[in-house]
Amino acid sequence: MANIKSQKKRIKTSAKRAERNKAVRSELKTRVKSATRAAGSDDAAAAAQLAQKRLDKAAAKRIIHKNQAARRKSRMMKSVNAAG
């Protein structure tokens, strides 16, 4: 454990941020998976749109890299379009 007060605070804030980012990343995986599974059905477009929105938002907040968001969207849409 750190002895310096500012470092103790840094450890706490880093842990909070990591927990929040972990939840967002988990949601991203779920959204992309549900959009891929919904491919070919009626709600495929809505699921894909929501997944894209979440990916863009995570990239804007720098939870994931913008190129990673673009890559994930590309792969997701490729599978959705192939099934639909």
PDB file of N, CA and C in Angstrom:
ATOM      1  N   MET A   1       0.844  -1.194   0.000  1.00  0.00           N
ATOM      2  CA  MET A   1       0.000   0.000   0.000  1.00  0.00           C
ATOM      3  C   MET A   1       0.880   1.244   0.000  1.00  0.00           C
ATOM      4  N   ALA A   2       0.435   2.251  -0.697  1.00  0.00           N
ATOM      5  CA  ALA A   2       1.193   3.497  -0.812  1.00  0.00           C
ATOM      6  C   ALA A   2       1.177   4.277   0.497  1.00  0.00           C
ATOM      7  N   ASN A   3       2.211   5.051   0.722  1.00  0.00           N
ATOM      8  CA  ASN A   3       2.296   5.898   1.915  1.00  0.00           C
ATOM      9  C   ASN A   3       1.832   7.315   1.636  1.00  0.00           C
ATOM     10  N   ILE A   4       1.923   7.734   0.389  1.00  0.00           N
ATOM     11  CA  ILE A   4       1.599   9.112   0.025  1.00  0.00           C
ATOM     12  C   ILE A   4       0.093   9.250  -0.154  1.00  0.00           C
ATOM     13  N   LYS A   5      -0.449  10.331   0.419  1.00  0.00           N
ATOM     14  CA  LYS A   5      -1.896  10.535   0.430  1.00  0.00           C
ATOM     15  C   LYS A   5      -2.490  10.612  -0.976  1.00  0.00           C
ATOM     16  N   SER A   6      -1.826  11.332  -1.863  1.00  0.00           N
ATOM     17  CA  SER A   6      -2.337  11.479  -3.223  1.00  0.00           C
ATOM     18  C   SER A   6      -2.324  10.132  -3.959  1.00  0.00           C
ATOM     19  N   GLN A   7      -1.342   9.310  -3.654  1.00  0.00           N
ATOM     20  CA  GLN A   7      -1.279   8.001  -4.295  1.00  0.00           C
ATOM     21  C   GLN A   7      -2.379   7.078  -3.787  1.00  0.00           C
ATOM     22  N   LYS A   8      -2.725   7.209  -2.512  1.00  0.00           N
ATOM     23  CA  LYS A   8      -3.837   6.422  -1.954  1.00  0.00           C
ATOM     24  C   LYS A   8      -5.141   6.783  -2.670  1.00  0.00           C
ATOM     25  N   LYS A   9      -5.340   8.085  -2.895  1.00  0.00           N
ATOM     26  CA  LYS A   9      -6.532   8.547  -3.593  1.00  0.00           C
ATOM     27  C   LYS A   9      -6.530   8.046  -5.036  1.00  0.00           C
ATOM     28  N   ARG A  10      -5.368   8.077  -5.654  1.00  0.00           N
ATOM     29  CA  ARG A  10      -5.221   7.624  -7.040  1.00  0.00           C
ATOM     30  C   ARG A  10      -5.615   6.151  -7.173  1.00  0.00           C
ATOM     31  N   ILE A  11      -5.212   5.346  -6.200  1.00  0.00           N
ATOM     32  CA  ILE A  11      -5.544   3.916  -6.206  1.00  0.00           C
ATOM     33  C   ILE A  11      -7.049   3.726  -6.119  1.00  0.00           C
ATOM     34  N   LYS A  12      -7.704   4.504  -5.259  1.00  0.00           N
ATOM     35  CA  LYS A  12      -9.162   4.407  -5.105  1.00  0.00           C
ATOM     36  C   LYS A  12      -9.888   4.814  -6.386  1.00  0.00           C
ATOM     37  N   THR A  13      -9.474   5.940  -6.969  1.00  0.00           N
ATOM     38  CA  THR A  13     -10.157   6.423  -8.166  1.00  0.00           C
ATOM     39  C   THR A  13      -9.908   5.492  -9.359  1.00  0.00           C
ATOM     40  N   SER A  14      -8.711   4.939  -9.419  1.00  0.00           N
ATOM     41  CA  SER A  14      -8.402   4.000 -10.501  1.00  0.00           C
ATOM     42  C   SER A  14      -9.267   2.754 -10.392  1.00  0.00           C
ATOM     43  N   ALA A  15      -9.478   2.290  -9.181  1.00  0.00           N
ATOM     44  CA  ALA A  15     -10.314   1.104  -8.965  1.00  0.00           C
ATOM     45  C   ALA A  15     -11.761   1.379  -9.371  1.00  0.00           C
ATOM     46  N   LYS A  16     -12.270   2.562  -9.027  1.00  0.00           N
ATOM     47  CA  LYS A  16     -13.633   2.944  -9.411  1.00  0.00           C
ATOM     48  C   LYS A  16     -13.779   2.985 -10.925  1.00  0.00           C
ATOM     49  N   ARG A  17     -12.808   3.620 -11.577  1.00  0.00           N
ATOM     50  CA  ARG A  17     -12.843   3.759 -13.028  1.00  0.00           C
ATOM     51  C   ARG A  17     -12.750   2.393 -13.700  1.00  0.00           C
ATOM     52  N   ALA A  18     -11.885   1.529 -13.183  1.00  0.00           N
ATOM     53  CA  ALA A  18     -11.724   0.195 -13.762  1.00  0.00           C
ATOM     54  C   ALA A  18     -13.012  -0.603 -13.645  1.00  0.00           C
ATOM     55  N   GLU A  19     -13.694  -0.469 -12.514  1.00  0.00           N
ATOM     56  CA  GLU A  19     -14.957  -1.175 -12.314  1.00  0.00           C
ATOM     57  C   GLU A  19     -16.015  -0.683 -13.296  1.00  0.00           C
ATOM     58  N   ARG A  20     -16.085   0.630 -13.482  1.00  0.00           N
ATOM     59  CA  ARG A  20     -17.051   1.223 -14.401  1.00  0.00           C
ATOM     60  C   ARG A  20     -16.743   0.814 -15.845  1.00  0.00           C
ATOM     61  N   ASN A  21     -15.468   0.851 -16.214  1.00  0.00           N
ATOM     62  CA  ASN A  21     -15.072   0.475 -17.570  1.00  0.00           C
ATOM     63  C   ASN A  21     -15.348  -0.995 -17.843  1.00  0.00           C
ATOM     64  N   LYS A  22     -15.163  -1.830 -16.818  1.00  0.00           N
ATOM     65  CA  LYS A  22     -15.417  -3.258 -16.971  1.00  0.00           C
ATOM     66  C   LYS A  22     -16.890  -3.503 -17.275  1.00  0.00           C
ATOM     67  N   ALA A  23     -17.753  -2.754 -16.603  1.00  0.00           N
ATOM     68  CA  ALA A  23     -19.194  -2.892 -16.839  1.00  0.00           C
ATOM     69  C   ALA A  23     -19.558  -2.461 -18.261  1.00  0.00           C
ATOM     70  N   VAL A  24     -18.946  -1.398 -18.734  1.00  0.00           N
ATOM     71  CA  VAL A  24     -19.233  -0.905 -20.087  1.00  0.00           C
ATOM     72  C   VAL A  24     -18.746  -1.906 -21.125  1.00  0.00           C
ATOM     73  N   ARG A  25     -17.541  -2.441 -20.938  1.00  0.00           N
ATOM     74  CA  ARG A  25     -17.010  -3.419 -21.883  1.00  0.00           C
ATOM     75  C   ARG A  25     -17.879  -4.671 -21.929  1.00  0.00           C
ATOM     76  N   SER A  26     -18.364  -5.067 -20.769  1.00  0.00           N
ATOM     77  CA  SER A  26     -19.240  -6.233 -20.697  1.00  0.00           C
ATOM     78  C   SER A  26     -20.534  -5.970 -21.464  1.00  0.00           C
ATOM     79  N   GLU A  27     -21.081  -4.777 -21.297  1.00  0.00           N
ATOM     80  CA  GLU A  27     -22.304  -4.413 -22.015  1.00  0.00           C
ATOM     81  C   GLU A  27     -22.068  -4.408 -23.526  1.00  0.00           C
ATOM     82  N   LEU A  28     -20.907  -3.935 -23.949  1.00  0.00           N
ATOM     83  CA  LEU A  28     -20.587  -3.910 -25.379  1.00  0.00           C
ATOM     84  C   LEU A  28     -20.617  -5.314 -25.964  1.00  0.00           C
ATOM     85  N   LYS A  29     -19.990  -6.244 -25.263  1.00  0.00           N
ATOM     86  CA  LYS A  29     -19.966  -7.624 -25.742  1.00  0.00           C
ATOM     87  C   LYS A  29     -21.378  -8.172 -25.862  1.00  0.00           C
ATOM     88  N   THR A  30     -22.205  -7.877 -24.846  1.00  0.00           N
ATOM     89  CA  THR A  30     -23.581  -8.363 -24.844  1.00  0.00           C
ATOM     90  C   THR A  30     -24.379  -7.774 -25.996  1.00  0.00           C
ATOM     91  N   ARG A  31     -24.246  -6.466 -26.223  1.00  0.00           N
ATOM     92  CA  ARG A  31     -24.994  -5.796 -27.297  1.00  0.00           C
ATOM     93  C   ARG A  31     -24.609  -6.332 -28.669  1.00  0.00           C
ATOM     94  N   VAL A  32     -23.313  -6.505 -28.892  1.00  0.00           N
ATOM     95  CA  VAL A  32     -22.848  -7.010 -30.192  1.00  0.00           C
ATOM     96  C   VAL A  32     -23.325  -8.442 -30.391  1.00  0.00           C
ATOM     97  N   LYS A  33     -23.252  -9.237 -29.334  1.00  0.00           N
ATOM     98  CA  LYS A  33     -23.697 -10.628 -29.419  1.00  0.00           C
ATOM     99  C   LYS A  33     -25.188 -10.719 -29.723  1.00  0.00           C
ATOM    100  N   SER A  34     -25.983  -9.876 -29.048  1.00  0.00           N
ATOM    101  CA  SER A  34     -27.428  -9.908 -29.277  1.00  0.00           C
ATOM    102  C   SER A  34     -27.775  -9.415 -30.681  1.00  0.00           C
ATOM    103  N   ALA A  35     -27.028  -8.436 -31.189  1.00  0.00           N
ATOM    104  CA  ALA A  35     -27.267  -7.946 -32.551  1.00  0.00           C
ATOM    105  C   ALA A  35     -26.925  -9.024 -33.575  1.00  0.00           C
ATOM    106  N   THR A  36     -25.852  -9.751 -33.320  1.00  0.00           N
ATOM    107  CA  THR A  36     -25.444 -10.821 -34.234  1.00  0.00           C
ATOM    108  C   THR A  36     -26.461 -11.957 -34.222  1.00  0.00           C
ATOM    109  N   ARG A  37     -26.951 -12.298 -33.037  1.00  0.00           N
ATOM    110  CA  ARG A  37     -27.944 -13.371 -32.930  1.00  0.00           C
ATOM    111  C   ARG A  37     -29.291 -12.973 -33.533  1.00  0.00           C
ATOM    112  N   ALA A  38     -29.617 -11.690 -33.469  1.00  0.00           N
ATOM    113  CA  ALA A  38     -30.898 -11.213 -33.996  1.00  0.00           C
ATOM    114  C   ALA A  38     -30.884 -11.071 -35.512  1.00  0.00           C
ATOM    115  N   ALA A  39     -29.726 -11.295 -36.117  1.00  0.00           N
ATOM    116  CA  ALA A  39     -29.589 -11.130 -37.571  1.00  0.00           C
ATOM    117  C   ALA A  39     -30.617 -11.982 -38.295  1.00  0.00           C
ATOM    118  N   GLY A  40     -31.308 -11.352 -39.233  1.00  0.00           N
ATOM    119  CA  GLY A  40     -32.314 -12.055 -40.004  1.00  0.00           C
ATOM    120  C   GLY A  40     -33.714 -11.925 -39.442  1.00  0.00           C
ATOM    121  N   SER A  41     -33.841 -11.479 -38.199  1.00  0.00           N
ATOM    122  CA  SER A  41     -35.169 -11.322 -37.602  1.00  0.00           C
ATOM    123  C   SER A  41     -35.664  -9.883 -37.766  1.00  0.00           C
ATOM    124  N   ASP A  42     -36.838  -9.621 -37.205  1.00  0.00           N
ATOM    125  CA  ASP A  42     -37.447  -8.295 -37.361  1.00  0.00           C
ATOM    126  C   ASP A  42     -36.695  -7.208 -36.603  1.00  0.00           C
ATOM    127  N   ASP A  43     -36.198  -7.530 -35.415  1.00  0.00           N
ATOM    128  CA  ASP A  43     -35.551  -6.513 -34.583  1.00  0.00           C
ATOM    129  C   ASP A  43     -34.039  -6.451 -34.796  1.00  0.00           C
ATOM    130  N   ALA A  44     -33.558  -6.981 -35.899  1.00  0.00           N
ATOM    131  CA  ALA A  44     -32.118  -6.989 -36.177  1.00  0.00           C
ATOM    132  C   ALA A  44     -31.575  -5.573 -36.349  1.00  0.00           C
ATOM    133  N   ALA A  45     -32.308  -4.737 -37.065  1.00  0.00           N
ATOM    134  CA  ALA A  45     -31.840  -3.367 -37.317  1.00  0.00           C
ATOM    135  C   ALA A  45     -31.757  -2.564 -36.033  1.00  0.00           C
ATOM    136  N   ALA A  46     -32.752  -2.728 -35.165  1.00  0.00           N
ATOM    137  CA  ALA A  46     -32.761  -1.988 -33.902  1.00  0.00           C
ATOM    138  C   ALA A  46     -31.623  -2.445 -32.989  1.00  0.00           C
ATOM    139  N   ALA A  47     -31.396  -3.749 -32.942  1.00  0.00           N
ATOM    140  CA  ALA A  47     -30.326  -4.293 -32.099  1.00  0.00           C
ATOM    141  C   ALA A  47     -28.957  -3.842 -32.603  1.00  0.00           C
ATOM    142  N   ALA A  48     -28.776  -3.844 -33.926  1.00  0.00           N
ATOM    143  CA  ALA A  48     -27.507  -3.410 -34.521  1.00  0.00           C
ATOM    144  C   ALA A  48     -27.277  -1.923 -34.286  1.00  0.00           C
ATOM    145  N   GLN A  49     -28.332  -1.141 -34.408  1.00  0.00           N
ATOM    146  CA  GLN A  49     -28.218   0.304 -34.193  1.00  0.00           C
ATOM    147  C   GLN A  49     -27.840   0.616 -32.752  1.00  0.00           C
ATOM    148  N   LEU A  50     -28.451  -0.095 -31.812  1.00  0.00           N
ATOM    149  CA  LEU A  50     -28.146   0.117 -30.397  1.00  0.00           C
ATOM    150  C   LEU A  50     -26.712  -0.292 -30.085  1.00  0.00           C
ATOM    151  N   ALA A  51     -26.265  -1.389 -30.669  1.00  0.00           N
ATOM    152  CA  ALA A  51     -24.884  -1.840 -30.456  1.00  0.00           C
ATOM    153  C   ALA A  51     -23.896  -0.819 -31.017  1.00  0.00           C
ATOM    154  N   GLN A  52     -24.202  -0.289 -32.207  1.00  0.00           N
ATOM    155  CA  GLN A  52     -23.333   0.729 -32.800  1.00  0.00           C
ATOM    156  C   GLN A  52     -23.265   1.969 -31.933  1.00  0.00           C
ATOM    157  N   LYS A  53     -24.399   2.376 -31.401  1.00  0.00           N
ATOM    158  CA  LYS A  53     -24.462   3.567 -30.551  1.00  0.00           C
ATOM    159  C   LYS A  53     -23.595   3.382 -29.307  1.00  0.00           C
ATOM    160  N   ARG A  54     -23.703   2.204 -28.692  1.00  0.00           N
ATOM    161  CA  ARG A  54     -22.919   1.923 -27.484  1.00  0.00           C
ATOM    162  C   ARG A  54     -21.420   1.874 -27.790  1.00  0.00           C
ATOM    163  N   LEU A  55     -21.059   1.299 -28.934  1.00  0.00           N
ATOM    164  CA  LEU A  55     -19.649   1.246 -29.324  1.00  0.00           C
ATOM    165  C   LEU A  55     -19.092   2.649 -29.558  1.00  0.00           C
ATOM    166  N   ASP A  56     -19.870   3.491 -30.247  1.00  0.00           N
ATOM    167  CA  ASP A  56     -19.430   4.866 -30.493  1.00  0.00           C
ATOM    168  C   ASP A  56     -19.281   5.642 -29.195  1.00  0.00           C
ATOM    169  N   LYS A  57     -20.209   5.432 -28.279  1.00  0.00           N
ATOM    170  CA  LYS A  57     -20.167   6.136 -27.002  1.00  0.00           C
ATOM    171  C   LYS A  57     -18.948   5.714 -26.188  1.00  0.00           C
ATOM    172  N   ALA A  58     -18.653   4.427 -26.191  1.00  0.00           N
ATOM    173  CA  ALA A  58     -17.481   3.924 -25.457  1.00  0.00           C
ATOM    174  C   ALA A  58     -16.192   4.461 -26.074  1.00  0.00           C
ATOM    175  N   ALA A  59     -16.163   4.567 -27.389  1.00  0.00           N
ATOM    176  CA  ALA A  59     -14.978   5.108 -28.064  1.00  0.00           C
ATOM    177  C   ALA A  59     -14.821   6.596 -27.763  1.00  0.00           C
ATOM    178  N   ALA A  60     -15.933   7.315 -27.710  1.00  0.00           N
ATOM    179  CA  ALA A  60     -15.883   8.747 -27.423  1.00  0.00           C
ATOM    180  C   ALA A  60     -15.369   9.008 -26.007  1.00  0.00           C
ATOM    181  N   LYS A  61     -15.722   8.115 -25.092  1.00  0.00           N
ATOM    182  CA  LYS A  61     -15.275   8.268 -23.704  1.00  0.00           C
ATOM    183  C   LYS A  61     -13.941   7.576 -23.451  1.00  0.00           C
ATOM    184  N   ARG A  62     -13.337   7.064 -24.518  1.00  0.00           N
ATOM    185  CA  ARG A  62     -12.035   6.414 -24.481  1.00  0.00           C
ATOM    186  C   ARG A  62     -11.988   5.180 -23.584  1.00  0.00           C
ATOM    187  N   ILE A  63     -13.109   4.485 -23.509  1.00  0.00           N
ATOM    188  CA  ILE A  63     -13.127   3.214 -22.793  1.00  0.00           C
ATOM    189  C   ILE A  63     -12.518   2.147 -23.692  1.00  0.00           C
ATOM    190  N   ILE A  64     -12.811   2.246 -24.983  1.00  0.00           N
ATOM    191  CA  ILE A  64     -12.124   1.444 -25.991  1.00  0.00           C
ATOM    192  C   ILE A  64     -11.562   2.394 -27.029  1.00  0.00           C
ATOM    193  N   HIS A  65     -10.600   1.921 -27.791  1.00  0.00           N
ATOM    194  CA  HIS A  65      -9.977   2.746 -28.823  1.00  0.00           C
ATOM    195  C   HIS A  65     -10.944   2.911 -30.000  1.00  0.00           C
ATOM    196  N   LYS A  66     -10.855   4.047 -30.680  1.00  0.00           N
ATOM    197  CA  LYS A  66     -11.783   4.321 -31.781  1.00  0.00           C
ATOM    198  C   LYS A  66     -11.638   3.311 -32.914  1.00  0.00           C
ATOM    199  N   ASN A  67     -10.422   2.836 -33.155  1.00  0.00           N
ATOM    200  CA  ASN A  67     -10.232   1.822 -34.198  1.00  0.00           C
ATOM    201  C   ASN A  67     -10.838   0.485 -33.787  1.00  0.00           C
ATOM    202  N   GLN A  68     -10.789   0.191 -32.507  1.00  0.00           N
ATOM    203  CA  GLN A  68     -11.410  -1.040 -32.023  1.00  0.00           C
ATOM    204  C   GLN A  68     -12.927  -0.966 -32.197  1.00  0.00           C
ATOM    205  N   ALA A  69     -13.492   0.191 -31.917  1.00  0.00           N
ATOM    206  CA  ALA A  69     -14.932   0.374 -32.100  1.00  0.00           C
ATOM    207  C   ALA A  69     -15.296   0.205 -33.574  1.00  0.00           C
ATOM    208  N   ALA A  70     -14.499   0.788 -34.446  1.00  0.00           N
ATOM    209  CA  ALA A  70     -14.757   0.678 -35.883  1.00  0.00           C
ATOM    210  C   ALA A  70     -14.655  -0.774 -36.341  1.00  0.00           C
ATOM    211  N   ARG A  71     -13.652  -1.483 -35.846  1.00  0.00           N
ATOM    212  CA  ARG A  71     -13.462  -2.881 -36.221  1.00  0.00           C
ATOM    213  C   ARG A  71     -14.631  -3.742 -35.749  1.00  0.00           C
ATOM    214  N   ARG A  72     -15.061  -3.525 -34.511  1.00  0.00           N
ATOM    215  CA  ARG A  72     -16.178  -4.303 -33.969  1.00  0.00           C
ATOM    216  C   ARG A  72     -17.474  -4.028 -34.736  1.00  0.00           C
ATOM    217  N   LYS A  73     -17.714  -2.756 -35.075  1.00  0.00           N
ATOM    218  CA  LYS A  73     -18.909  -2.411 -35.852  1.00  0.00           C
ATOM    219  C   LYS A  73     -18.869  -3.056 -37.222  1.00  0.00           C
ATOM    220  N   SER A  74     -17.704  -3.035 -37.840  1.00  0.00           N
ATOM    221  CA  SER A  74     -17.548  -3.613 -39.169  1.00  0.00           C
ATOM    222  C   SER A  74     -17.833  -5.112 -39.147  1.00  0.00           C
ATOM    223  N   ARG A  75     -17.269  -5.810 -38.187  1.00  0.00           N
ATOM    224  CA  ARG A  75     -17.471  -7.253 -38.087  1.00  0.00           C
ATOM    225  C   ARG A  75     -18.928  -7.589 -37.776  1.00  0.00           C
ATOM    226  N   MET A  76     -19.519  -6.788 -36.878  1.00  0.00           N
ATOM    227  CA  MET A  76     -20.900  -7.030 -36.514  1.00  0.00           C
ATOM    228  C   MET A  76     -21.813  -6.833 -37.721  1.00  0.00           C
ATOM    229  N   MET A  77     -21.635  -5.737 -38.449  1.00  0.00           N
ATOM    230  CA  MET A  77     -22.497  -5.452 -39.592  1.00  0.00           C
ATOM    231  C   MET A  77     -22.283  -6.460 -40.715  1.00  0.00           C
ATOM    232  N   LYS A  78     -21.063  -6.949 -40.857  1.00  0.00           N
ATOM    233  CA  LYS A  78     -20.794  -7.961 -41.869  1.00  0.00           C
ATOM    234  C   LYS A  78     -21.617  -9.225 -41.591  1.00  0.00           C
ATOM    235  N   SER A  79     -21.658  -9.634 -40.322  1.00  0.00           N
ATOM    236  CA  SER A  79     -22.414 -10.842 -39.973  1.00  0.00           C
ATOM    237  C   SER A  79     -23.925 -10.597 -40.034  1.00  0.00           C
ATOM    238  N   VAL A  80     -24.371  -9.397 -39.638  1.00  0.00           N
ATOM    239  CA  VAL A  80     -25.792  -9.061 -39.689  1.00  0.00           C
ATOM    240  C   VAL A  80     -26.278  -9.008 -41.136  1.00  0.00           C
ATOM    241  N   ASN A  81     -25.497  -8.384 -42.011  1.00  0.00           N
ATOM    242  CA  ASN A  81     -25.887  -8.271 -43.414  1.00  0.00           C
ATOM    243  C   ASN A  81     -25.849  -9.621 -44.140  1.00  0.00           C
ATOM    244  N   ALA A  82     -24.912 -10.462 -43.752  1.00  0.00           N
ATOM    245  CA  ALA A  82     -24.813 -11.787 -44.384  1.00  0.00           C
ATOM    246  C   ALA A  82     -26.038 -12.630 -44.043  1.00  0.00           C
ATOM    247  N   ALA A  83     -26.532 -12.511 -42.809  1.00  0.00           N
ATOM    248  CA  ALA A  83     -27.678 -13.307 -42.391  1.00  0.00           C
ATOM    249  C   ALA A  83     -28.990 -12.703 -42.913  1.00  0.00           C
ATOM    250  N   GLY A  84     -29.018 -11.378 -43.041  1.00  0.00           N
ATOM    251  CA  GLY A  84     -30.257 -10.715 -43.450  1.00  0.00           C
ATOM    252  C   GLY A  84     -30.373 -10.617 -44.925  1.00  0.00           C
TER     253      GLY A  84
END
